[in-house]
Structure formats: C-alpha cells, structure tokens
Amino acid sequence: MSKVNETGKINNEHDVGYRSLLKAKQVFVQLLKSFIDKKWVKQIDESNIELVDKSFILRTFRRKKPILYII
C-alpha cells in the first residue's frame, strides 16, 4: 500500500497505477500475449488465473528517505 508523504503526494504513484491495471485478469493476459512471444503464453486461459495480492520489494529498493534531485 502506498503512503502519502509530507507534501501530500503518494509515494510510488506509478506502482499503484500498474498494480491497479494488472488486477484485471483480462488486462494481465492481454499484456502477456502482446509482449511475450512464447508458446506457453498463447496457452494461458484467463479463467485459470488467480490473483495473489502480495507485494515484494527488494531490500536495495527500500528507502527510508526520498532522494532529492536538484537541477
């Protein structure tokens, strides 16, 4: 779950968008079939897909403080 930071902006806002899109089975299957040209992908049946509502963030990508870029 994303949290709102001190400025009122959602942390990881793009992650939230992708996660929301990929929760729809049809969108997920469409994405796979559009970008992965493998035989096993063509055999995927939307009715056999199960959503596992979990997230995993590698330790190297976890941050306690946001990075500030100055241009």
PDB file of N, CA and C in Angstrom:
ATOM      1  N   MET A   1       0.849  -1.175   0.000  1.00  0.00           N
ATOM      2  CA  MET A   1       0.000   0.000   0.000  1.00  0.00           C
ATOM      3  C   MET A   1       0.893   1.235   0.000  1.00  0.00           C
ATOM      4  N   SER A   2       0.571   2.195  -0.822  1.00  0.00           N
ATOM      5  CA  SER A   2       1.347   3.419  -0.900  1.00  0.00           C
ATOM      6  C   SER A   2       0.917   4.377   0.197  1.00  0.00           C
ATOM      7  N   LYS A   3       1.873   5.175   0.615  1.00  0.00           N
ATOM      8  CA  LYS A   3       1.591   6.142   1.663  1.00  0.00           C
ATOM      9  C   LYS A   3       1.738   7.546   1.107  1.00  0.00           C
ATOM     10  N   VAL A   4       1.046   8.479   1.706  1.00  0.00           N
ATOM     11  CA  VAL A   4       1.150   9.884   1.323  1.00  0.00           C
ATOM     12  C   VAL A   4       2.301  10.490   2.107  1.00  0.00           C
ATOM     13  N   ASN A   5       3.221  11.162   1.394  1.00  0.00           N
ATOM     14  CA  ASN A   5       4.365  11.773   2.071  1.00  0.00           C
ATOM     15  C   ASN A   5       4.006  13.154   2.617  1.00  0.00           C
ATOM     16  N   GLU A   6       4.992  13.848   3.137  1.00  0.00           N
ATOM     17  CA  GLU A   6       4.769  15.145   3.793  1.00  0.00           C
ATOM     18  C   GLU A   6       4.183  16.197   2.855  1.00  0.00           C
ATOM     19  N   THR A   7       4.462  16.084   1.549  1.00  0.00           N
ATOM     20  CA  THR A   7       3.962  17.075   0.593  1.00  0.00           C
ATOM     21  C   THR A   7       2.566  16.736   0.091  1.00  0.00           C
ATOM     22  N   GLY A   8       1.997  15.635   0.573  1.00  0.00           N
ATOM     23  CA  GLY A   8       0.668  15.230   0.142  1.00  0.00           C
ATOM     24  C   GLY A   8       0.674  14.375  -1.108  1.00  0.00           C
ATOM     25  N   LYS A   9       1.869  14.034  -1.607  1.00  0.00           N
ATOM     26  CA  LYS A   9       1.996  13.226  -2.813  1.00  0.00           C
ATOM     27  C   LYS A   9       2.117  11.750  -2.439  1.00  0.00           C
ATOM     28  N   ILE A  10       1.534  10.886  -3.248  1.00  0.00           N
ATOM     29  CA  ILE A  10       1.596   9.449  -2.987  1.00  0.00           C
ATOM     30  C   ILE A  10       2.984   8.926  -3.363  1.00  0.00           C
ATOM     31  N   ASN A  11       3.610   8.198  -2.441  1.00  0.00           N
ATOM     32  CA  ASN A  11       4.872   7.543  -2.745  1.00  0.00           C
ATOM     33  C   ASN A  11       4.590   6.401  -3.719  1.00  0.00           C
ATOM     34  N   ASN A  12       5.463   6.200  -4.662  1.00  0.00           N
ATOM     35  CA  ASN A  12       5.340   5.102  -5.632  1.00  0.00           C
ATOM     36  C   ASN A  12       4.035   5.165  -6.406  1.00  0.00           C
ATOM     37  N   GLU A  13       3.647   6.339  -6.846  1.00  0.00           N
ATOM     38  CA  GLU A  13       2.365   6.501  -7.523  1.00  0.00           C
ATOM     39  C   GLU A  13       2.253   5.665  -8.793  1.00  0.00           C
ATOM     40  N   HIS A  14       3.353   5.451  -9.501  1.00  0.00           N
ATOM     41  CA  HIS A  14       3.292   4.647 -10.722  1.00  0.00           C
ATOM     42  C   HIS A  14       3.056   3.174 -10.382  1.00  0.00           C
ATOM     43  N   ASP A  15       3.644   2.717  -9.288  1.00  0.00           N
ATOM     44  CA  ASP A  15       3.427   1.344  -8.854  1.00  0.00           C
ATOM     45  C   ASP A  15       1.944   1.095  -8.574  1.00  0.00           C
ATOM     46  N   VAL A  16       1.300   2.068  -7.978  1.00  0.00           N
ATOM     47  CA  VAL A  16      -0.127   1.952  -7.660  1.00  0.00           C
ATOM     48  C   VAL A  16      -0.939   1.821  -8.950  1.00  0.00           C
ATOM     49  N   GLY A  17      -0.582   2.603  -9.956  1.00  0.00           N
ATOM     50  CA  GLY A  17      -1.289   2.550 -11.236  1.00  0.00           C
ATOM     51  C   GLY A  17      -1.135   1.206 -11.924  1.00  0.00           C
ATOM     52  N   TYR A  18       0.093   0.706 -11.989  1.00  0.00           N
ATOM     53  CA  TYR A  18       0.329  -0.591 -12.620  1.00  0.00           C
ATOM     54  C   TYR A  18      -0.365  -1.701 -11.846  1.00  0.00           C
ATOM     55  N   ARG A  19      -0.284  -1.634 -10.554  1.00  0.00           N
ATOM     56  CA  ARG A  19      -0.916  -2.665  -9.730  1.00  0.00           C
ATOM     57  C   ARG A  19      -2.431  -2.683  -9.954  1.00  0.00           C
ATOM     58  N   SER A  20      -3.006  -1.509 -10.051  1.00  0.00           N
ATOM     59  CA  SER A  20      -4.439  -1.402 -10.293  1.00  0.00           C
ATOM     60  C   SER A  20      -4.818  -1.990 -11.651  1.00  0.00           C
ATOM     61  N   LEU A  21      -4.032  -1.677 -12.679  1.00  0.00           N
ATOM     62  CA  LEU A  21      -4.296  -2.212 -14.017  1.00  0.00           C
ATOM     63  C   LEU A  21      -4.163  -3.728 -14.059  1.00  0.00           C
ATOM     64  N   LEU A  22      -3.116  -4.234 -13.451  1.00  0.00           N
ATOM     65  CA  LEU A  22      -2.824  -5.659 -13.540  1.00  0.00           C
ATOM     66  C   LEU A  22      -3.722  -6.528 -12.668  1.00  0.00           C
ATOM     67  N   LYS A  23      -4.544  -5.915 -11.831  1.00  0.00           N
ATOM     68  CA  LYS A  23      -5.505  -6.692 -11.041  1.00  0.00           C
ATOM     69  C   LYS A  23      -6.598  -7.272 -11.936  1.00  0.00           C
ATOM     70  N   ALA A  24      -6.822  -6.652 -13.078  1.00  0.00           N
ATOM     71  CA  ALA A  24      -7.835  -7.140 -14.016  1.00  0.00           C
ATOM     72  C   ALA A  24      -7.234  -8.286 -14.830  1.00  0.00           C
ATOM     73  N   LYS A  25      -7.830  -9.466 -14.732  1.00  0.00           N
ATOM     74  CA  LYS A  25      -7.308 -10.649 -15.427  1.00  0.00           C
ATOM     75  C   LYS A  25      -7.157 -10.407 -16.924  1.00  0.00           C
ATOM     76  N   GLN A  26      -8.153  -9.791 -17.518  1.00  0.00           N
ATOM     77  CA  GLN A  26      -8.139  -9.566 -18.960  1.00  0.00           C
ATOM     78  C   GLN A  26      -6.953  -8.692 -19.367  1.00  0.00           C
ATOM     79  N   VAL A  27      -6.686  -7.651 -18.618  1.00  0.00           N
ATOM     80  CA  VAL A  27      -5.576  -6.745 -18.923  1.00  0.00           C
ATOM     81  C   VAL A  27      -4.249  -7.478 -18.756  1.00  0.00           C
ATOM     82  N   PHE A  28      -4.123  -8.273 -17.704  1.00  0.00           N
ATOM     83  CA  PHE A  28      -2.906  -9.029 -17.449  1.00  0.00           C
ATOM     84  C   PHE A  28      -2.601  -9.999 -18.598  1.00  0.00           C
ATOM     85  N   VAL A  29      -3.609 -10.765 -19.009  1.00  0.00           N
ATOM     86  CA  VAL A  29      -3.426 -11.736 -20.091  1.00  0.00           C
ATOM     87  C   VAL A  29      -3.104 -11.014 -21.405  1.00  0.00           C
ATOM     88  N   GLN A  30      -3.788  -9.913 -21.652  1.00  0.00           N
ATOM     89  CA  GLN A  30      -3.546  -9.126 -22.861  1.00  0.00           C
ATOM     90  C   GLN A  30      -2.106  -8.621 -22.893  1.00  0.00           C
ATOM     91  N   LEU A  31      -1.631  -8.150 -21.765  1.00  0.00           N
ATOM     92  CA  LEU A  31      -0.258  -7.650 -21.669  1.00  0.00           C
ATOM     93  C   LEU A  31       0.743  -8.760 -21.981  1.00  0.00           C
ATOM     94  N   LEU A  32       0.550  -9.922 -21.363  1.00  0.00           N
ATOM     95  CA  LEU A  32       1.448 -11.051 -21.623  1.00  0.00           C
ATOM     96  C   LEU A  32       1.456 -11.434 -23.100  1.00  0.00           C
ATOM     97  N   LYS A  33       0.279 -11.581 -23.674  1.00  0.00           N
ATOM     98  CA  LYS A  33       0.175 -12.013 -25.066  1.00  0.00           C
ATOM     99  C   LYS A  33       0.699 -10.966 -26.045  1.00  0.00           C
ATOM    100  N   SER A  34       0.659  -9.705 -25.655  1.00  0.00           N
ATOM    101  CA  SER A  34       1.145  -8.638 -26.527  1.00  0.00           C
ATOM    102  C   SER A  34       2.667  -8.518 -26.536  1.00  0.00           C
ATOM    103  N   PHE A  35       3.294  -8.830 -25.412  1.00  0.00           N
ATOM    104  CA  PHE A  35       4.724  -8.558 -25.294  1.00  0.00           C
ATOM    105  C   PHE A  35       5.617  -9.793 -25.208  1.00  0.00           C
ATOM    106  N   ILE A  36       5.051 -10.954 -24.944  1.00  0.00           N
ATOM    107  CA  ILE A  36       5.872 -12.155 -24.803  1.00  0.00           C
ATOM    108  C   ILE A  36       5.502 -13.133 -25.906  1.00  0.00           C
ATOM    109  N   ASP A  37       6.433 -13.372 -26.802  1.00  0.00           N
ATOM    110  CA  ASP A  37       6.202 -14.241 -27.949  1.00  0.00           C
ATOM    111  C   ASP A  37       6.719 -15.650 -27.658  1.00  0.00           C
ATOM    112  N   LYS A  38       6.012 -16.353 -26.791  1.00  0.00           N
ATOM    113  CA  LYS A  38       6.366 -17.729 -26.418  1.00  0.00           C
ATOM    114  C   LYS A  38       5.116 -18.598 -26.509  1.00  0.00           C
ATOM    115  N   LYS A  39       5.318 -19.873 -26.807  1.00  0.00           N
ATOM    116  CA  LYS A  39       4.180 -20.794 -26.946  1.00  0.00           C
ATOM    117  C   LYS A  39       3.351 -20.889 -25.673  1.00  0.00           C
ATOM    118  N   TRP A  40       4.011 -20.924 -24.520  1.00  0.00           N
ATOM    119  CA  TRP A  40       3.286 -21.095 -23.258  1.00  0.00           C
ATOM    120  C   TRP A  40       2.342 -19.931 -22.980  1.00  0.00           C
ATOM    121  N   VAL A  41       2.680 -18.741 -23.474  1.00  0.00           N
ATOM    122  CA  VAL A  41       1.824 -17.576 -23.238  1.00  0.00           C
ATOM    123  C   VAL A  41       0.515 -17.716 -24.004  1.00  0.00           C
ATOM    124  N   LYS A  42       0.586 -18.263 -25.202  1.00  0.00           N
ATOM    125  CA  LYS A  42      -0.615 -18.447 -26.020  1.00  0.00           C
ATOM    126  C   LYS A  42      -1.579 -19.446 -25.385  1.00  0.00           C
ATOM    127  N   GLN A  43      -1.082 -20.287 -24.500  1.00  0.00           N
ATOM    128  CA  GLN A  43      -1.906 -21.307 -23.857  1.00  0.00           C
ATOM    129  C   GLN A  43      -2.577 -20.825 -22.565  1.00  0.00           C
ATOM    130  N   ILE A  44      -2.288 -19.613 -22.151  1.00  0.00           N
ATOM    131  CA  ILE A  44      -2.860 -19.099 -20.902  1.00  0.00           C
ATOM    132  C   ILE A  44      -4.357 -18.873 -21.061  1.00  0.00           C
ATOM    133  N   ASP A  45      -5.096 -19.382 -20.115  1.00  0.00           N
ATOM    134  CA  ASP A  45      -6.551 -19.223 -20.095  1.00  0.00           C
ATOM    135  C   ASP A  45      -6.909 -18.304 -18.918  1.00  0.00           C
ATOM    136  N   GLU A  46      -7.564 -17.232 -19.240  1.00  0.00           N
ATOM    137  CA  GLU A  46      -7.925 -16.223 -18.226  1.00  0.00           C
ATOM    138  C   GLU A  46      -8.671 -16.818 -17.032  1.00  0.00           C
ATOM    139  N   SER A  47      -9.464 -17.838 -17.264  1.00  0.00           N
ATOM    140  CA  SER A  47     -10.256 -18.427 -16.182  1.00  0.00           C
ATOM    141  C   SER A  47      -9.402 -19.216 -15.184  1.00  0.00           C
ATOM    142  N   ASN A  48      -8.176 -19.525 -15.561  1.00  0.00           N
ATOM    143  CA  ASN A  48      -7.280 -20.280 -14.672  1.00  0.00           C
ATOM    144  C   ASN A  48      -6.308 -19.398 -13.885  1.00  0.00           C
ATOM    145  N   ILE A  49      -6.456 -18.104 -14.024  1.00  0.00           N
ATOM    146  CA  ILE A  49      -5.539 -17.177 -13.357  1.00  0.00           C
ATOM    147  C   ILE A  49      -6.114 -16.794 -11.993  1.00  0.00           C
ATOM    148  N   GLU A  50      -5.228 -16.749 -11.012  1.00  0.00           N
ATOM    149  CA  GLU A  50      -5.641 -16.371  -9.656  1.00  0.00           C
ATOM    150  C   GLU A  50      -4.765 -15.211  -9.179  1.00  0.00           C
ATOM    151  N   LEU A  51      -5.381 -14.177  -8.684  1.00  0.00           N
ATOM    152  CA  LEU A  51      -4.657 -13.024  -8.162  1.00  0.00           C
ATOM    153  C   LEU A  51      -4.074 -13.359  -6.795  1.00  0.00           C
ATOM    154  N   VAL A  52      -2.781 -13.127  -6.648  1.00  0.00           N
ATOM    155  CA  VAL A  52      -2.126 -13.262  -5.351  1.00  0.00           C
ATOM    156  C   VAL A  52      -1.794 -11.832  -4.936  1.00  0.00           C
ATOM    157  N   ASP A  53      -2.570 -11.297  -4.013  1.00  0.00           N
ATOM    158  CA  ASP A  53      -2.476  -9.886  -3.640  1.00  0.00           C
ATOM    159  C   ASP A  53      -1.364  -9.667  -2.618  1.00  0.00           C
ATOM    160  N   LYS A  54      -0.159  -9.722  -3.089  1.00  0.00           N
ATOM    161  CA  LYS A  54       1.024  -9.513  -2.246  1.00  0.00           C
ATOM    162  C   LYS A  54       1.977  -8.572  -2.955  1.00  0.00           C
ATOM    163  N   SER A  55       2.906  -8.027  -2.234  1.00  0.00           N
ATOM    164  CA  SER A  55       3.951  -7.232  -2.874  1.00  0.00           C
ATOM    165  C   SER A  55       5.291  -7.641  -2.283  1.00  0.00           C
ATOM    166  N   PHE A  56       6.308  -7.464  -3.079  1.00  0.00           N
ATOM    167  CA  PHE A  56       7.656  -7.798  -2.649  1.00  0.00           C
ATOM    168  C   PHE A  56       8.585  -6.717  -3.160  1.00  0.00           C
ATOM    169  N   ILE A  57       9.327  -6.118  -2.262  1.00  0.00           N
ATOM    170  CA  ILE A  57      10.275  -5.078  -2.632  1.00  0.00           C
ATOM    171  C   ILE A  57      11.658  -5.527  -2.181  1.00  0.00           C
ATOM    172  N   LEU A  58      12.585  -5.598  -3.124  1.00  0.00           N
ATOM    173  CA  LEU A  58      13.951  -5.974  -2.775  1.00  0.00           C
ATOM    174  C   LEU A  58      14.534  -4.981  -1.781  1.00  0.00           C
ATOM    175  N   ARG A  59      15.378  -5.470  -0.922  1.00  0.00           N
ATOM    176  CA  ARG A  59      15.994  -4.618   0.099  1.00  0.00           C
ATOM    177  C   ARG A  59      16.689  -3.402  -0.506  1.00  0.00           C
ATOM    178  N   THR A  60      17.325  -3.592  -1.664  1.00  0.00           N
ATOM    179  CA  THR A  60      18.059  -2.487  -2.288  1.00  0.00           C
ATOM    180  C   THR A  60      17.142  -1.373  -2.785  1.00  0.00           C
ATOM    181  N   PHE A  61      15.860  -1.668  -2.956  1.00  0.00           N
ATOM    182  CA  PHE A  61      14.929  -0.655  -3.440  1.00  0.00           C
ATOM    183  C   PHE A  61      14.113  -0.010  -2.327  1.00  0.00           C
ATOM    184  N   ARG A  62      14.269  -0.488  -1.117  1.00  0.00           N
ATOM    185  CA  ARG A  62      13.553   0.123   0.006  1.00  0.00           C
ATOM    186  C   ARG A  62      14.305   1.382   0.428  1.00  0.00           C
ATOM    187  N   ARG A  63      13.555   2.432   0.666  1.00  0.00           N
ATOM    188  CA  ARG A  63      14.176   3.688   1.097  1.00  0.00           C
ATOM    189  C   ARG A  63      13.418   4.220   2.292  1.00  0.00           C
ATOM    190  N   LYS A  64      14.158   4.794   3.190  1.00  0.00           N
ATOM    191  CA  LYS A  64      13.519   5.437   4.332  1.00  0.00           C
ATOM    192  C   LYS A  64      13.314   6.912   4.049  1.00  0.00           C
ATOM    193  N   LYS A  65      14.221   7.493   3.280  1.00  0.00           N
ATOM    194  CA  LYS A  65      14.121   8.909   2.936  1.00  0.00           C
ATOM    195  C   LYS A  65      14.097   9.036   1.416  1.00  0.00           C
ATOM    196  N   PRO A  66      13.251   9.916   0.881  1.00  0.00           N
ATOM    197  CA  PRO A  66      13.226  10.093  -0.570  1.00  0.00           C
ATOM    198  C   PRO A  66      14.515  10.752  -1.077  1.00  0.00           C
ATOM    199  N   ILE A  67      14.874  10.428  -2.304  1.00  0.00           N
ATOM    200  CA  ILE A  67      16.047  11.026  -2.923  1.00  0.00           C
ATOM    201  C   ILE A  67      15.617  12.367  -3.509  1.00  0.00           C
ATOM    202  N   LEU A  68      16.428  13.371  -3.313  1.00  0.00           N
ATOM    203  CA  LEU A  68      16.125  14.707  -3.836  1.00  0.00           C
ATOM    204  C   LEU A  68      17.066  15.009  -4.974  1.00  0.00           C
ATOM    205  N   TYR A  69      16.531  15.334  -6.128  1.00  0.00           N
ATOM    206  CA  TYR A  69      17.334  15.707  -7.272  1.00  0.00           C
ATOM    207  C   TYR A  69      17.251  17.208  -7.463  1.00  0.00           C
ATOM    208  N   ILE A  70      18.386  17.845  -7.665  1.00  0.00           N
ATOM    209  CA  ILE A  70      18.434  19.288  -7.906  1.00  0.00           C
ATOM    210  C   ILE A  70      18.981  19.504  -9.291  1.00  0.00           C
ATOM    211  N   ILE A  71      18.234  20.247 -10.090  1.00  0.00           N
ATOM    212  CA  ILE A  71      18.658  20.506 -11.473  1.00  0.00           C
ATOM    213  C   ILE A  71      19.000  21.966 -11.612  1.00  0.00           C
TER     214      ILE A  71
END
